[in-house]
Amino acid sequence: ERNSYLAAIHALALKSKLKAEDVTDALGNTIEFLSDICIDSPMAVEHVAKLVSVCLELKIIDIAWLTANSRLRGDDPKSDGAFERNALFELLTSTFANYPEASELKSQLKY
């Protein structure tokens, strides 16, 4: 079922029917509240990483969008969800290791 949704996103993007503003609010909220989502869906980080990867590959969003907004990064250790967001960034960094922009993602990781 998830693959069908990803295929639909792919088709919409290729037909220029899906723009960044169409997904950034929803995706931003998903990333911000990832720790809450993980309570009910333990694989949420992996699924969101795949969704973000598709959006990045299709250039619906860019790495700068992910790294520019502190609510997405989870770089405040007192922030709820810092662990899950860092796990997401780790997955994305490994997925996009050969992209020049990957250094932006890696710089956001806090160990």
C-alpha atoms as a PDB file:
ATOM      1  CA  GLU A   1       0.000   0.000   0.000  1.00  0.00           C
ATOM      2  CA  ARG A   2       2.834   2.426   0.832  1.00  0.00           C
ATOM      3  CA  ASN A   3       4.422   1.675  -2.520  1.00  0.00           C
ATOM      4  CA  SER A   4       1.177   2.707  -4.214  1.00  0.00           C
ATOM      5  CA  TYR A   5       1.244   6.041  -2.402  1.00  0.00           C
ATOM      6  CA  LEU A   6       4.865   6.598  -3.376  1.00  0.00           C
ATOM      7  CA  ALA A   7       4.033   5.725  -6.982  1.00  0.00           C
ATOM      8  CA  ALA A   8       1.164   8.231  -6.903  1.00  0.00           C
ATOM      9  CA  ILE A   9       3.489  10.935  -5.561  1.00  0.00           C
ATOM     10  CA  HIS A  10       5.969  10.079  -8.293  1.00  0.00           C
ATOM     11  CA  ALA A  11       3.298  10.281 -11.022  1.00  0.00           C
ATOM     12  CA  LEU A  12       1.914  13.579  -9.734  1.00  0.00           C
ATOM     13  CA  ALA A  13       5.370  15.120  -9.519  1.00  0.00           C
ATOM     14  CA  LEU A  14       6.318  14.006 -13.034  1.00  0.00           C
ATOM     15  CA  LYS A  15       3.139  15.593 -14.378  1.00  0.00           C
ATOM     16  CA  SER A  16       3.966  18.815 -12.484  1.00  0.00           C
ATOM     17  CA  LYS A  17       0.798  18.420 -10.427  1.00  0.00           C
ATOM     18  CA  LEU A  18       2.630  18.338  -7.101  1.00  0.00           C
ATOM     19  CA  LYS A  19       4.555  21.354  -5.875  1.00  0.00           C
ATOM     20  CA  ALA A  20       6.729  21.951  -2.818  1.00  0.00           C
ATOM     21  CA  GLU A  21       4.070  24.008  -1.093  1.00  0.00           C
ATOM     22  CA  ASP A  22       1.680  21.080  -1.494  1.00  0.00           C
ATOM     23  CA  VAL A  23       3.819  18.848   0.685  1.00  0.00           C
ATOM     24  CA  THR A  24       6.008  20.981   2.957  1.00  0.00           C
ATOM     25  CA  ASP A  25       3.355  21.724   5.581  1.00  0.00           C
ATOM     26  CA  ALA A  26       2.236  18.115   5.911  1.00  0.00           C
ATOM     27  CA  LEU A  27       5.766  16.760   5.720  1.00  0.00           C
ATOM     28  CA  GLY A  28       7.012  19.328   8.215  1.00  0.00           C
ATOM     29  CA  ASN A  29       4.315  18.352  10.702  1.00  0.00           C
ATOM     30  CA  THR A  30       5.067  14.671  10.146  1.00  0.00           C
ATOM     31  CA  ILE A  31       8.757  15.197  10.872  1.00  0.00           C
ATOM     32  CA  GLU A  32       8.101  17.486  13.820  1.00  0.00           C
ATOM     33  CA  PHE A  33       5.797  14.951  15.478  1.00  0.00           C
ATOM     34  CA  LEU A  34       7.704  11.849  14.406  1.00  0.00           C
ATOM     35  CA  SER A  35       8.289  10.732  17.992  1.00  0.00           C
ATOM     36  CA  ASP A  36       4.532  10.648  18.590  1.00  0.00           C
ATOM     37  CA  ILE A  37       3.911   8.782  15.344  1.00  0.00           C
ATOM     38  CA  CYS A  38       6.548   6.204  16.310  1.00  0.00           C
ATOM     39  CA  ILE A  39       4.508   5.246  19.368  1.00  0.00           C
ATOM     40  CA  ASP A  40       1.832   3.718  17.131  1.00  0.00           C
ATOM     41  CA  SER A  41       4.042   2.889  14.165  1.00  0.00           C
ATOM     42  CA  PRO A  42       7.528   1.710  15.156  1.00  0.00           C
ATOM     43  CA  MET A  43       8.666   1.735  11.508  1.00  0.00           C
ATOM     44  CA  ALA A  44       7.626   5.362  11.033  1.00  0.00           C
ATOM     45  CA  VAL A  45      11.203   6.668  10.776  1.00  0.00           C
ATOM     46  CA  GLU A  46      11.961   4.280   7.914  1.00  0.00           C
ATOM     47  CA  HIS A  47       8.681   5.056   6.148  1.00  0.00           C
ATOM     48  CA  VAL A  48       9.107   8.814   6.504  1.00  0.00           C
ATOM     49  CA  ALA A  49      12.718   8.503   5.306  1.00  0.00           C
ATOM     50  CA  LYS A  50      11.464   6.745   2.162  1.00  0.00           C
ATOM     51  CA  LEU A  51       8.826   9.435   1.597  1.00  0.00           C
ATOM     52  CA  VAL A  52      11.343  12.241   2.114  1.00  0.00           C
ATOM     53  CA  SER A  53      13.811  10.438  -0.170  1.00  0.00           C
ATOM     54  CA  VAL A  54      11.227  10.263  -2.951  1.00  0.00           C
ATOM     55  CA  CYS A  55      10.401  13.946  -2.499  1.00  0.00           C
ATOM     56  CA  LEU A  56      14.105  14.837  -2.588  1.00  0.00           C
ATOM     57  CA  GLU A  57      14.785  12.683  -5.643  1.00  0.00           C
ATOM     58  CA  LEU A  58      11.858  14.258  -7.478  1.00  0.00           C
ATOM     59  CA  LYS A  59      13.027  17.713  -6.361  1.00  0.00           C
ATOM     60  CA  ILE A  60       9.693  18.439  -4.717  1.00  0.00           C
ATOM     61  CA  ILE A  61      11.670  19.519  -1.662  1.00  0.00           C
ATOM     62  CA  ASP A  62      15.379  20.066  -1.192  1.00  0.00           C
ATOM     63  CA  ILE A  63      17.862  19.343   1.537  1.00  0.00           C
ATOM     64  CA  ALA A  64      18.016  23.046   2.384  1.00  0.00           C
ATOM     65  CA  TRP A  65      14.330  22.912   3.369  1.00  0.00           C
ATOM     66  CA  LEU A  66      15.045  20.046   5.758  1.00  0.00           C
ATOM     67  CA  THR A  67      18.043  21.707   7.362  1.00  0.00           C
ATOM     68  CA  ALA A  68      16.803  25.303   7.467  1.00  0.00           C
ATOM     69  CA  ASN A  69      13.951  24.700   9.886  1.00  0.00           C
ATOM     70  CA  SER A  70      15.033  23.957  13.465  1.00  0.00           C
ATOM     71  CA  ARG A  71      11.709  22.292  14.312  1.00  0.00           C
ATOM     72  CA  LEU A  72      12.601  19.573  11.820  1.00  0.00           C
ATOM     73  CA  ARG A  73      16.208  19.062  12.855  1.00  0.00           C
ATOM     74  CA  GLY A  74      15.736  18.088  16.476  1.00  0.00           C
ATOM     75  CA  ASP A  75      19.109  19.562  17.382  1.00  0.00           C
ATOM     76  CA  ASP A  76      17.900  20.695  20.783  1.00  0.00           C
ATOM     77  CA  PRO A  77      18.593  17.757  23.123  1.00  0.00           C
ATOM     78  CA  LYS A  78      15.644  18.837  25.281  1.00  0.00           C
ATOM     79  CA  SER A  79      13.390  18.761  22.223  1.00  0.00           C
ATOM     80  CA  ASP A  80      10.786  16.016  22.068  1.00  0.00           C
ATOM     81  CA  GLY A  81      11.581  13.701  19.217  1.00  0.00           C
ATOM     82  CA  ALA A  82      15.255  14.571  18.841  1.00  0.00           C
ATOM     83  CA  PHE A  83      16.156  10.873  18.731  1.00  0.00           C
ATOM     84  CA  GLU A  84      13.646  10.045  15.982  1.00  0.00           C
ATOM     85  CA  ARG A  85      14.511  13.083  13.872  1.00  0.00           C
ATOM     86  CA  ASN A  86      18.225  12.335  14.186  1.00  0.00           C
ATOM     87  CA  ALA A  87      17.504   8.740  13.121  1.00  0.00           C
ATOM     88  CA  LEU A  88      15.626  10.134  10.121  1.00  0.00           C
ATOM     89  CA  PHE A  89      18.558  12.393   9.206  1.00  0.00           C
ATOM     90  CA  GLU A  90      20.971   9.459   9.569  1.00  0.00           C
ATOM     91  CA  LEU A  91      18.888   7.378   7.149  1.00  0.00           C
ATOM     92  CA  LEU A  92      18.664  10.245   4.695  1.00  0.00           C
ATOM     93  CA  THR A  93      22.392  10.931   4.946  1.00  0.00           C
ATOM     94  CA  SER A  94      23.214   7.324   4.113  1.00  0.00           C
ATOM     95  CA  THR A  95      20.681   7.299   1.262  1.00  0.00           C
ATOM     96  CA  PHE A  96      22.092  10.478  -0.267  1.00  0.00           C
ATOM     97  CA  ALA A  97      25.749   9.930   0.619  1.00  0.00           C
ATOM     98  CA  ASN A  98      26.876  10.658  -2.940  1.00  0.00           C
ATOM     99  CA  TYR A  99      24.972  13.933  -3.214  1.00  0.00           C
ATOM    100  CA  PRO A 100      26.939  17.146  -2.540  1.00  0.00           C
ATOM    101  CA  GLU A 101      24.102  18.420  -0.331  1.00  0.00           C
ATOM    102  CA  ALA A 102      24.443  15.401   1.971  1.00  0.00           C
ATOM    103  CA  SER A 103      27.033  17.291   4.001  1.00  0.00           C
ATOM    104  CA  GLU A 104      24.236  19.662   5.034  1.00  0.00           C
ATOM    105  CA  LEU A 105      22.307  16.713   6.455  1.00  0.00           C
ATOM    106  CA  LYS A 106      25.343  15.264   8.175  1.00  0.00           C
ATOM    107  CA  SER A 107      26.132  18.611   9.797  1.00  0.00           C
ATOM    108  CA  GLN A 108      22.687  18.505  11.441  1.00  0.00           C
ATOM    109  CA  LEU A 109      23.294  15.195  13.171  1.00  0.00           C
ATOM    110  CA  LYS A 110      23.939  15.488  16.895  1.00  0.00           C
ATOM    111  CA  TYR A 111      25.486  12.512  18.659  1.00  0.00           C
END
